[in-house]
Amino acid sequence: MPRNRRKFSPEFKDEAVKAVILNSRPIVQVARELSINEGTLGNWVATYRRDHADEEPALDVSERARLREAERLVRELKMENEFLKKVIMPAWRPHPGLMRIGAAVRF
């Protein structure tokens, strides 16, 4: 049984994409508000970004500094996260039941 596909006007697509790009809103949120599939809107946004990639303005000095600081913070948090994973979940466990809290250990 063939499906009835919804057709969207170019104006509707443009407005949906602008709602995501200009307002920095999540694709999922805009898609829900417009009652369209988030994958569809994601494709429209990706196409727009690909077609308009050269139109994005270059970062000024303060934006570049903020970007560097954010990247540094992300690196630090990733390292901290990896460390905490190792502390909480040690690589070596003598017996699977030993790490369970409140479980009786039997050999």
PDB file of N, CA and C in Angstrom:
ATOM      1  N   MET A   1       0.847  -1.169   0.000  1.00  0.00           N
ATOM      2  CA  MET A   1       0.000   0.000   0.000  1.00  0.00           C
ATOM      3  C   MET A   1       0.898   1.240   0.000  1.00  0.00           C
ATOM      4  N   PRO A   2       0.769   2.108  -0.969  1.00  0.00           N
ATOM      5  CA  PRO A   2       1.636   3.290  -1.042  1.00  0.00           C
ATOM      6  C   PRO A   2       1.292   4.299   0.050  1.00  0.00           C
ATOM      7  N   ARG A   3       2.331   4.951   0.522  1.00  0.00           N
ATOM      8  CA  ARG A   3       2.142   5.978   1.550  1.00  0.00           C
ATOM      9  C   ARG A   3       1.900   7.328   0.894  1.00  0.00           C
ATOM     10  N   ASN A   4       1.109   8.118   1.543  1.00  0.00           N
ATOM     11  CA  ASN A   4       0.940   9.500   1.094  1.00  0.00           C
ATOM     12  C   ASN A   4       2.032  10.332   1.740  1.00  0.00           C
ATOM     13  N   ARG A   5       2.953  10.821   0.919  1.00  0.00           N
ATOM     14  CA  ARG A   5       4.046  11.640   1.434  1.00  0.00           C
ATOM     15  C   ARG A   5       3.622  13.091   1.477  1.00  0.00           C
ATOM     16  N   ARG A   6       3.964  13.733   2.583  1.00  0.00           N
ATOM     17  CA  ARG A   6       3.666  15.159   2.690  1.00  0.00           C
ATOM     18  C   ARG A   6       4.666  15.932   1.858  1.00  0.00           C
ATOM     19  N   LYS A   7       4.195  16.952   1.197  1.00  0.00           N
ATOM     20  CA  LYS A   7       5.077  17.814   0.423  1.00  0.00           C
ATOM     21  C   LYS A   7       5.120  19.169   1.110  1.00  0.00           C
ATOM     22  N   PHE A   8       6.327  19.707   1.210  1.00  0.00           N
ATOM     23  CA  PHE A   8       6.514  20.983   1.887  1.00  0.00           C
ATOM     24  C   PHE A   8       6.989  22.024   0.887  1.00  0.00           C
ATOM     25  N   SER A   9       6.457  23.205   1.016  1.00  0.00           N
ATOM     26  CA  SER A   9       6.855  24.288   0.110  1.00  0.00           C
ATOM     27  C   SER A   9       8.274  24.745   0.464  1.00  0.00           C
ATOM     28  N   PRO A  10       8.974  25.313  -0.503  1.00  0.00           N
ATOM     29  CA  PRO A  10      10.312  25.849  -0.221  1.00  0.00           C
ATOM     30  C   PRO A  10      10.292  26.912   0.872  1.00  0.00           C
ATOM     31  N   GLU A  11       9.225  27.690   0.939  1.00  0.00           N
ATOM     32  CA  GLU A  11       9.102  28.722   1.968  1.00  0.00           C
ATOM     33  C   GLU A  11       9.018  28.094   3.362  1.00  0.00           C
ATOM     34  N   PHE A  12       8.235  27.005   3.483  1.00  0.00           N
ATOM     35  CA  PHE A  12       8.110  26.305   4.756  1.00  0.00           C
ATOM     36  C   PHE A  12       9.461  25.752   5.185  1.00  0.00           C
ATOM     37  N   LYS A  13      10.185  25.131   4.238  1.00  0.00           N
ATOM     38  CA  LYS A  13      11.501  24.569   4.544  1.00  0.00           C
ATOM     39  C   LYS A  13      12.458  25.670   5.010  1.00  0.00           C
ATOM     40  N   ASP A  14      12.453  26.802   4.301  1.00  0.00           N
ATOM     41  CA  ASP A  14      13.333  27.910   4.670  1.00  0.00           C
ATOM     42  C   ASP A  14      13.037  28.421   6.071  1.00  0.00           C
ATOM     43  N   GLU A  15      11.759  28.576   6.392  1.00  0.00           N
ATOM     44  CA  GLU A  15      11.386  29.062   7.719  1.00  0.00           C
ATOM     45  C   GLU A  15      11.782  28.065   8.806  1.00  0.00           C
ATOM     46  N   ALA A  16      11.615  26.781   8.537  1.00  0.00           N
ATOM     47  CA  ALA A  16      11.991  25.758   9.514  1.00  0.00           C
ATOM     48  C   ALA A  16      13.498  25.767   9.749  1.00  0.00           C
ATOM     49  N   VAL A  17      14.260  25.851   8.668  1.00  0.00           N
ATOM     50  CA  VAL A  17      15.725  25.877   8.780  1.00  0.00           C
ATOM     51  C   VAL A  17      16.176  27.131   9.516  1.00  0.00           C
ATOM     52  N   LYS A  18      15.580  28.265   9.213  1.00  0.00           N
ATOM     53  CA  LYS A  18      15.948  29.512   9.886  1.00  0.00           C
ATOM     54  C   LYS A  18      15.625  29.453  11.373  1.00  0.00           C
ATOM     55  N   ALA A  19      14.537  28.780  11.738  1.00  0.00           N
ATOM     56  CA  ALA A  19      14.195  28.634  13.157  1.00  0.00           C
ATOM     57  C   ALA A  19      15.291  27.881  13.897  1.00  0.00           C
ATOM     58  N   VAL A  20      15.936  26.937  13.218  1.00  0.00           N
ATOM     59  CA  VAL A  20      17.021  26.176  13.838  1.00  0.00           C
ATOM     60  C   VAL A  20      18.303  26.997  13.848  1.00  0.00           C
ATOM     61  N   ILE A  21      18.678  27.538  12.701  1.00  0.00           N
ATOM     62  CA  ILE A  21      19.993  28.167  12.550  1.00  0.00           C
ATOM     63  C   ILE A  21      20.061  29.540  13.221  1.00  0.00           C
ATOM     64  N   LEU A  22      19.140  30.401  12.915  1.00  0.00           N
ATOM     65  CA  LEU A  22      19.226  31.770  13.425  1.00  0.00           C
ATOM     66  C   LEU A  22      18.948  31.858  14.921  1.00  0.00           C
ATOM     67  N   ASN A  23      18.078  31.008  15.422  1.00  0.00           N
ATOM     68  CA  ASN A  23      17.717  31.054  16.841  1.00  0.00           C
ATOM     69  C   ASN A  23      18.493  30.051  17.681  1.00  0.00           C
ATOM     70  N   SER A  24      19.388  29.294  17.057  1.00  0.00           N
ATOM     71  CA  SER A  24      20.197  28.283  17.750  1.00  0.00           C
ATOM     72  C   SER A  24      19.323  27.333  18.572  1.00  0.00           C
ATOM     73  N   ARG A  25      18.259  26.876  17.963  1.00  0.00           N
ATOM     74  CA  ARG A  25      17.350  25.952  18.651  1.00  0.00           C
ATOM     75  C   ARG A  25      17.608  24.542  18.174  1.00  0.00           C
ATOM     76  N   PRO A  26      17.372  23.554  19.025  1.00  0.00           N
ATOM     77  CA  PRO A  26      17.587  22.161  18.628  1.00  0.00           C
ATOM     78  C   PRO A  26      16.622  21.739  17.511  1.00  0.00           C
ATOM     79  N   ILE A  27      17.129  20.915  16.620  1.00  0.00           N
ATOM     80  CA  ILE A  27      16.321  20.409  15.508  1.00  0.00           C
ATOM     81  C   ILE A  27      15.099  19.661  16.037  1.00  0.00           C
ATOM     82  N   VAL A  28      15.297  18.868  17.070  1.00  0.00           N
ATOM     83  CA  VAL A  28      14.196  18.063  17.628  1.00  0.00           C
ATOM     84  C   VAL A  28      13.057  18.963  18.103  1.00  0.00           C
ATOM     85  N   GLN A  29      13.408  20.035  18.793  1.00  0.00           N
ATOM     86  CA  GLN A  29      12.384  20.935  19.327  1.00  0.00           C
ATOM     87  C   GLN A  29      11.591  21.597  18.199  1.00  0.00           C
ATOM     88  N   VAL A  30      12.288  22.115  17.206  1.00  0.00           N
ATOM     89  CA  VAL A  30      11.612  22.788  16.092  1.00  0.00           C
ATOM     90  C   VAL A  30      10.756  21.786  15.318  1.00  0.00           C
ATOM     91  N   ALA A  31      11.294  20.586  15.099  1.00  0.00           N
ATOM     92  CA  ALA A  31      10.540  19.565  14.361  1.00  0.00           C
ATOM     93  C   ALA A  31       9.247  19.206  15.086  1.00  0.00           C
ATOM     94  N   ARG A  32       9.303  19.074  16.392  1.00  0.00           N
ATOM     95  CA  ARG A  32       8.086  18.757  17.158  1.00  0.00           C
ATOM     96  C   ARG A  32       7.062  19.877  17.045  1.00  0.00           C
ATOM     97  N   GLU A  33       7.547  21.118  17.143  1.00  0.00           N
ATOM     98  CA  GLU A  33       6.622  22.255  17.056  1.00  0.00           C
ATOM     99  C   GLU A  33       5.940  22.327  15.697  1.00  0.00           C
ATOM    100  N   LEU A  34       6.669  21.929  14.645  1.00  0.00           N
ATOM    101  CA  LEU A  34       6.115  21.992  13.290  1.00  0.00           C
ATOM    102  C   LEU A  34       5.455  20.677  12.860  1.00  0.00           C
ATOM    103  N   SER A  35       5.480  19.687  13.738  1.00  0.00           N
ATOM    104  CA  SER A  35       4.888  18.367  13.464  1.00  0.00           C
ATOM    105  C   SER A  35       5.489  17.713  12.219  1.00  0.00           C
ATOM    106  N   ILE A  36       6.820  17.762  12.152  1.00  0.00           N
ATOM    107  CA  ILE A  36       7.521  17.076  11.067  1.00  0.00           C
ATOM    108  C   ILE A  36       8.571  16.156  11.676  1.00  0.00           C
ATOM    109  N   ASN A  37       9.039  15.210  10.900  1.00  0.00           N
ATOM    110  CA  ASN A  37      10.042  14.271  11.362  1.00  0.00           C
ATOM    111  C   ASN A  37      11.360  15.002  11.572  1.00  0.00           C
ATOM    112  N   GLU A  38      12.028  14.702  12.692  1.00  0.00           N
ATOM    113  CA  GLU A  38      13.286  15.388  12.982  1.00  0.00           C
ATOM    114  C   GLU A  38      14.375  15.047  11.963  1.00  0.00           C
ATOM    115  N   GLY A  39      14.331  13.850  11.393  1.00  0.00           N
ATOM    116  CA  GLY A  39      15.288  13.477  10.355  1.00  0.00           C
ATOM    117  C   GLY A  39      15.113  14.314   9.105  1.00  0.00           C
ATOM    118  N   THR A  40      13.876  14.601   8.770  1.00  0.00           N
ATOM    119  CA  THR A  40      13.588  15.442   7.607  1.00  0.00           C
ATOM    120  C   THR A  40      14.151  16.844   7.818  1.00  0.00           C
ATOM    121  N   LEU A  41      13.856  17.427   8.971  1.00  0.00           N
ATOM    122  CA  LEU A  41      14.366  18.766   9.264  1.00  0.00           C
ATOM    123  C   LEU A  41      15.891  18.746   9.341  1.00  0.00           C
ATOM    124  N   GLY A  42      16.447  17.698   9.899  1.00  0.00           N
ATOM    125  CA  GLY A  42      17.903  17.571   9.958  1.00  0.00           C
ATOM    126  C   GLY A  42      18.522  17.558   8.572  1.00  0.00           C
ATOM    127  N   ASN A  43      17.880  16.876   7.637  1.00  0.00           N
ATOM    128  CA  ASN A  43      18.370  16.866   6.260  1.00  0.00           C
ATOM    129  C   ASN A  43      18.310  18.261   5.643  1.00  0.00           C
ATOM    130  N   TRP A  44      17.221  18.983   5.899  1.00  0.00           N
ATOM    131  CA  TRP A  44      17.099  20.336   5.362  1.00  0.00           C
ATOM    132  C   TRP A  44      18.191  21.238   5.926  1.00  0.00           C
ATOM    133  N   VAL A  45      18.439  21.122   7.231  1.00  0.00           N
ATOM    134  CA  VAL A  45      19.461  21.955   7.880  1.00  0.00           C
ATOM    135  C   VAL A  45      20.844  21.606   7.330  1.00  0.00           C
ATOM    136  N   ALA A  46      21.129  20.320   7.175  1.00  0.00           N
ATOM    137  CA  ALA A  46      22.427  19.896   6.635  1.00  0.00           C
ATOM    138  C   ALA A  46      22.625  20.424   5.218  1.00  0.00           C
ATOM    139  N   THR A  47      21.584  20.360   4.414  1.00  0.00           N
ATOM    140  CA  THR A  47      21.667  20.880   3.047  1.00  0.00           C
ATOM    141  C   THR A  47      21.923  22.383   3.059  1.00  0.00           C
ATOM    142  N   TYR A  48      21.220  23.093   3.924  1.00  0.00           N
ATOM    143  CA  TYR A  48      21.414  24.542   4.024  1.00  0.00           C
ATOM    144  C   TYR A  48      22.842  24.871   4.433  1.00  0.00           C
ATOM    145  N   ARG A  49      23.332  24.171   5.454  1.00  0.00           N
ATOM    146  CA  ARG A  49      24.696  24.438   5.925  1.00  0.00           C
ATOM    147  C   ARG A  49      25.725  24.117   4.849  1.00  0.00           C
ATOM    148  N   ARG A  50      25.511  23.044   4.107  1.00  0.00           N
ATOM    149  CA  ARG A  50      26.437  22.677   3.028  1.00  0.00           C
ATOM    150  C   ARG A  50      26.417  23.741   1.929  1.00  0.00           C
ATOM    151  N   ASP A  51      25.228  24.212   1.583  1.00  0.00           N
ATOM    152  CA  ASP A  51      25.092  25.202   0.517  1.00  0.00           C
ATOM    153  C   ASP A  51      25.587  26.589   0.919  1.00  0.00           C
ATOM    154  N   HIS A  52      25.567  26.895   2.216  1.00  0.00           N
ATOM    155  CA  HIS A  52      25.927  28.227   2.689  1.00  0.00           C
ATOM    156  C   HIS A  52      27.170  28.214   3.576  1.00  0.00           C
ATOM    157  N   ALA A  53      28.026  27.229   3.422  1.00  0.00           N
ATOM    158  CA  ALA A  53      29.208  27.096   4.275  1.00  0.00           C
ATOM    159  C   ALA A  53      30.154  28.281   4.137  1.00  0.00           C
ATOM    160  N   ASP A  54      30.287  28.819   2.951  1.00  0.00           N
ATOM    161  CA  ASP A  54      31.216  29.925   2.730  1.00  0.00           C
ATOM    162  C   ASP A  54      30.678  31.268   3.231  1.00  0.00           C
ATOM    163  N   GLU A  55      29.426  31.317   3.610  1.00  0.00           N
ATOM    164  CA  GLU A  55      28.820  32.567   4.067  1.00  0.00           C
ATOM    165  C   GLU A  55      29.027  32.824   5.557  1.00  0.00           C
ATOM    166  N   GLU A  56      29.537  31.827   6.279  1.00  0.00           N
ATOM    167  CA  GLU A  56      29.703  31.989   7.718  1.00  0.00           C
ATOM    168  C   GLU A  56      30.834  32.976   7.999  1.00  0.00           C
ATOM    169  N   PRO A  57      30.578  33.995   8.821  1.00  0.00           N
ATOM    170  CA  PRO A  57      31.616  34.989   9.090  1.00  0.00           C
ATOM    171  C   PRO A  57      32.759  34.393   9.925  1.00  0.00           C
ATOM    172  N   ALA A  58      33.947  34.949   9.722  1.00  0.00           N
ATOM    173  CA  ALA A  58      35.112  34.500  10.486  1.00  0.00           C
ATOM    174  C   ALA A  58      34.964  34.944  11.942  1.00  0.00           C
ATOM    175  N   LEU A  59      35.597  34.200  12.850  1.00  0.00           N
ATOM    176  CA  LEU A  59      35.534  34.535  14.270  1.00  0.00           C
ATOM    177  C   LEU A  59      36.426  35.722  14.574  1.00  0.00           C
ATOM    178  N   ASP A  60      35.948  36.610  15.445  1.00  0.00           N
ATOM    179  CA  ASP A  60      36.812  37.713  15.860  1.00  0.00           C
ATOM    180  C   ASP A  60      37.705  37.240  17.011  1.00  0.00           C
ATOM    181  N   VAL A  61      38.550  38.112  17.505  1.00  0.00           N
ATOM    182  CA  VAL A  61      39.554  37.732  18.500  1.00  0.00           C
ATOM    183  C   VAL A  61      38.910  37.209  19.783  1.00  0.00           C
ATOM    184  N   SER A  62      37.888  37.879  20.279  1.00  0.00           N
ATOM    185  CA  SER A  62      37.259  37.441  21.538  1.00  0.00           C
ATOM    186  C   SER A  62      36.546  36.098  21.361  1.00  0.00           C
ATOM    187  N   GLU A  63      35.909  35.894  20.204  1.00  0.00           N
ATOM    188  CA  GLU A  63      35.242  34.607  19.960  1.00  0.00           C
ATOM    189  C   GLU A  63      36.260  33.483  19.861  1.00  0.00           C
ATOM    190  N   ARG A  64      37.408  33.762  19.226  1.00  0.00           N
ATOM    191  CA  ARG A  64      38.464  32.749  19.141  1.00  0.00           C
ATOM    192  C   ARG A  64      38.993  32.384  20.516  1.00  0.00           C
ATOM    193  N   ALA A  65      39.149  33.385  21.381  1.00  0.00           N
ATOM    194  CA  ALA A  65      39.621  33.139  22.746  1.00  0.00           C
ATOM    195  C   ALA A  65      38.607  32.296  23.514  1.00  0.00           C
ATOM    196  N   ARG A  66      37.326  32.616  23.373  1.00  0.00           N
ATOM    197  CA  ARG A  66      36.283  31.820  24.037  1.00  0.00           C
ATOM    198  C   ARG A  66      36.278  30.395  23.526  1.00  0.00           C
ATOM    199  N   LEU A  67      36.467  30.218  22.225  1.00  0.00           N
ATOM    200  CA  LEU A  67      36.502  28.886  21.643  1.00  0.00           C
ATOM    201  C   LEU A  67      37.679  28.085  22.186  1.00  0.00           C
ATOM    202  N   ARG A  68      38.862  28.702  22.245  1.00  0.00           N
ATOM    203  CA  ARG A  68      40.038  28.012  22.801  1.00  0.00           C
ATOM    204  C   ARG A  68      39.805  27.607  24.247  1.00  0.00           C
ATOM    205  N   GLU A  69      39.224  28.510  25.029  1.00  0.00           N
ATOM    206  CA  GLU A  69      38.950  28.215  26.436  1.00  0.00           C
ATOM    207  C   GLU A  69      37.942  27.069  26.567  1.00  0.00           C
ATOM    208  N   ALA A  70      36.914  27.077  25.736  1.00  0.00           N
ATOM    209  CA  ALA A  70      35.920  25.998  25.773  1.00  0.00           C
ATOM    210  C   ALA A  70      36.554  24.663  25.375  1.00  0.00           C
ATOM    211  N   GLU A  71      37.416  24.678  24.368  1.00  0.00           N
ATOM    212  CA  GLU A  71      38.090  23.443  23.956  1.00  0.00           C
ATOM    213  C   GLU A  71      39.014  22.931  25.050  1.00  0.00           C
ATOM    214  N   ARG A  72      39.708  23.846  25.730  1.00  0.00           N
ATOM    215  CA  ARG A  72      40.582  23.452  26.840  1.00  0.00           C
ATOM    216  C   ARG A  72      39.756  22.812  27.961  1.00  0.00           C
ATOM    217  N   LEU A  73      38.630  23.428  28.278  1.00  0.00           N
ATOM    218  CA  LEU A  73      37.764  22.905  29.328  1.00  0.00           C
ATOM    219  C   LEU A  73      37.237  21.518  28.958  1.00  0.00           C
ATOM    220  N   VAL A  74      36.855  21.323  27.712  1.00  0.00           N
ATOM    221  CA  VAL A  74      36.371  20.015  27.257  1.00  0.00           C
ATOM    222  C   VAL A  74      37.464  18.966  27.427  1.00  0.00           C
ATOM    223  N   ARG A  75      38.710  19.306  27.030  1.00  0.00           N
ATOM    224  CA  ARG A  75      39.823  18.359  27.197  1.00  0.00           C
ATOM    225  C   ARG A  75      40.018  17.991  28.657  1.00  0.00           C
ATOM    226  N   GLU A  76      40.001  18.989  29.553  1.00  0.00           N
ATOM    227  CA  GLU A  76      40.172  18.730  30.982  1.00  0.00           C
ATOM    228  C   GLU A  76      39.054  17.839  31.523  1.00  0.00           C
ATOM    229  N   LEU A  77      37.824  18.131  31.137  1.00  0.00           N
ATOM    230  CA  LEU A  77      36.692  17.345  31.626  1.00  0.00           C
ATOM    231  C   LEU A  77      36.731  15.912  31.107  1.00  0.00           C
ATOM    232  N   LYS A  78      37.179  15.731  29.862  1.00  0.00           N
ATOM    233  CA  LYS A  78      37.312  14.378  29.327  1.00  0.00           C
ATOM    234  C   LYS A  78      38.357  13.592  30.111  1.00  0.00           C
ATOM    235  N   MET A  79      39.486  14.231  30.412  1.00  0.00           N
ATOM    236  CA  MET A  79      40.529  13.543  31.191  1.00  0.00           C
ATOM    237  C   MET A  79      40.021  13.201  32.584  1.00  0.00           C
ATOM    238  N   GLU A  80      39.323  14.142  33.204  1.00  0.00           N
ATOM    239  CA  GLU A  80      38.768  13.899  34.532  1.00  0.00           C
ATOM    240  C   GLU A  80      37.745  12.766  34.496  1.00  0.00           C
ATOM    241  N   ASN A  81      36.931  12.751  33.469  1.00  0.00           N
ATOM    242  CA  ASN A  81      35.924  11.705  33.306  1.00  0.00           C
ATOM    243  C   ASN A  81      36.585  10.333  33.162  1.00  0.00           C
ATOM    244  N   GLU A  82      37.636  10.248  32.341  1.00  0.00           N
ATOM    245  CA  GLU A  82      38.349   8.985  32.168  1.00  0.00           C
ATOM    246  C   GLU A  82      38.964   8.532  33.482  1.00  0.00           C
ATOM    247  N   PHE A  83      39.538   9.462  34.233  1.00  0.00           N
ATOM    248  CA  PHE A  83      40.115   9.123  35.527  1.00  0.00           C
ATOM    249  C   PHE A  83      39.052   8.567  36.466  1.00  0.00           C
ATOM    250  N   LEU A  84      37.902   9.243  36.534  1.00  0.00           N
ATOM    251  CA  LEU A  84      36.837   8.795  37.420  1.00  0.00           C
ATOM    252  C   LEU A  84      36.299   7.427  37.011  1.00  0.00           C
ATOM    253  N   LYS A  85      36.229   7.152  35.718  1.00  0.00           N
ATOM    254  CA  LYS A  85      35.800   5.832  35.261  1.00  0.00           C
ATOM    255  C   LYS A  85      36.744   4.758  35.772  1.00  0.00           C
ATOM    256  N   LYS A  86      38.054   5.054  35.731  1.00  0.00           N
ATOM    257  CA  LYS A  86      39.046   4.072  36.184  1.00  0.00           C
ATOM    258  C   LYS A  86      38.969   3.864  37.683  1.00  0.00           C
ATOM    259  N   VAL A  87      38.679   4.922  38.427  1.00  0.00           N
ATOM    260  CA  VAL A  87      38.581   4.808  39.881  1.00  0.00           C
ATOM    261  C   VAL A  87      37.343   4.014  40.273  1.00  0.00           C
ATOM    262  N   ILE A  88      36.240   4.295  39.617  1.00  0.00           N
ATOM    263  CA  ILE A  88      34.981   3.642  39.957  1.00  0.00           C
ATOM    264  C   ILE A  88      34.938   2.216  39.431  1.00  0.00           C
ATOM    265  N   MET A  89      35.420   1.988  38.245  1.00  0.00           N
ATOM    266  CA  MET A  89      35.371   0.671  37.615  1.00  0.00           C
ATOM    267  C   MET A  89      36.794   0.184  37.339  1.00  0.00           C
ATOM    268  N   PRO A  90      37.483  -0.338  38.346  1.00  0.00           N
ATOM    269  CA  PRO A  90      38.850  -0.799  38.114  1.00  0.00           C
ATOM    270  C   PRO A  90      38.894  -1.900  37.060  1.00  0.00           C
ATOM    271  N   ALA A  91      40.013  -1.938  36.338  1.00  0.00           N
ATOM    272  CA  ALA A  91      40.153  -2.902  35.252  1.00  0.00           C
ATOM    273  C   ALA A  91      40.240  -4.329  35.767  1.00  0.00           C
ATOM    274  N   TRP A  92      40.826  -4.524  36.924  1.00  0.00           N
ATOM    275  CA  TRP A  92      41.014  -5.874  37.442  1.00  0.00           C
ATOM    276  C   TRP A  92      40.023  -6.157  38.553  1.00  0.00           C
ATOM    277  N   ARG A  93      39.272  -7.227  38.389  1.00  0.00           N
ATOM    278  CA  ARG A  93      38.355  -7.682  39.436  1.00  0.00           C
ATOM    279  C   ARG A  93      38.609  -9.164  39.640  1.00  0.00           C
ATOM    280  N   PRO A  94      38.957  -9.569  40.843  1.00  0.00           N
ATOM    281  CA  PRO A  94      39.276 -10.973  41.077  1.00  0.00           C
ATOM    282  C   PRO A  94      38.079 -11.902  40.883  1.00  0.00           C
ATOM    283  N   HIS A  95      36.900 -11.426  41.182  1.00  0.00           N
ATOM    284  CA  HIS A  95      35.701 -12.246  41.081  1.00  0.00           C
ATOM    285  C   HIS A  95      34.541 -11.315  40.767  1.00  0.00           C
ATOM    286  N   PRO A  96      33.660 -11.689  39.839  1.00  0.00           N
ATOM    287  CA  PRO A  96      32.569 -10.777  39.467  1.00  0.00           C
ATOM    288  C   PRO A  96      31.700 -10.355  40.643  1.00  0.00           C
ATOM    289  N   GLY A  97      31.531 -11.207  41.634  1.00  0.00           N
ATOM    290  CA  GLY A  97      30.673 -10.883  42.767  1.00  0.00           C
ATOM    291  C   GLY A  97      31.316  -9.982  43.790  1.00  0.00           C
ATOM    292  N   LEU A  98      32.629  -9.798  43.743  1.00  0.00           N
ATOM    293  CA  LEU A  98      33.314  -9.000  44.751  1.00  0.00           C
ATOM    294  C   LEU A  98      32.972  -7.520  44.681  1.00  0.00           C
ATOM    295  N   MET A  99      32.661  -7.013  43.519  1.00  0.00           N
ATOM    296  CA  MET A  99      32.407  -5.581  43.384  1.00  0.00           C
ATOM    297  C   MET A  99      30.967  -5.203  43.712  1.00  0.00           C
ATOM    298  N   ARG A 100      30.100  -6.184  43.846  1.00  0.00           N
ATOM    299  CA  ARG A 100      28.715  -5.874  44.172  1.00  0.00           C
ATOM    300  C   ARG A 100      28.599  -5.471  45.635  1.00  0.00           C
ATOM    301  N   ILE A 101      27.934  -4.392  45.868  1.00  0.00           N
ATOM    302  CA  ILE A 101      27.732  -3.925  47.231  1.00  0.00           C
ATOM    303  C   ILE A 101      26.599  -4.729  47.844  1.00  0.00           C
ATOM    304  N   GLY A 102      26.848  -5.278  49.021  1.00  0.00           N
ATOM    305  CA  GLY A 102      25.825  -6.017  49.725  1.00  0.00           C
ATOM    306  C   GLY A 102      25.652  -7.442  49.263  1.00  0.00           C
ATOM    307  N   ALA A 103      26.415  -7.885  48.283  1.00  0.00           N
ATOM    308  CA  ALA A 103      26.305  -9.256  47.800  1.00  0.00           C
ATOM    309  C   ALA A 103      27.274 -10.147  48.565  1.00  0.00           C
ATOM    310  N   ALA A 104      26.850 -11.331  48.872  1.00  0.00           N
ATOM    311  CA  ALA A 104      27.719 -12.284  49.562  1.00  0.00           C
ATOM    312  C   ALA A 104      28.733 -12.832  48.558  1.00  0.00           C
ATOM    313  N   VAL A 105      29.984 -12.941  49.026  1.00  0.00           N
ATOM    314  CA  VAL A 105      31.041 -13.464  48.179  1.00  0.00           C
ATOM    315  C   VAL A 105      31.255 -14.918  48.541  1.00  0.00           C
ATOM    316  N   ARG A 106      31.123 -15.802  47.570  1.00  0.00           N
ATOM    317  CA  ARG A 106      31.319 -17.229  47.789  1.00  0.00           C
ATOM    318  C   ARG A 106      32.304 -17.735  46.751  1.00  0.00           C
ATOM    319  N   PHE A 107      33.196 -18.579  47.190  1.00  0.00           N
ATOM    320  CA  PHE A 107      34.162 -19.165  46.264  1.00  0.00           C
ATOM    321  C   PHE A 107      33.892 -20.631  46.086  1.00  0.00           C
TER     322      PHE A 107
END
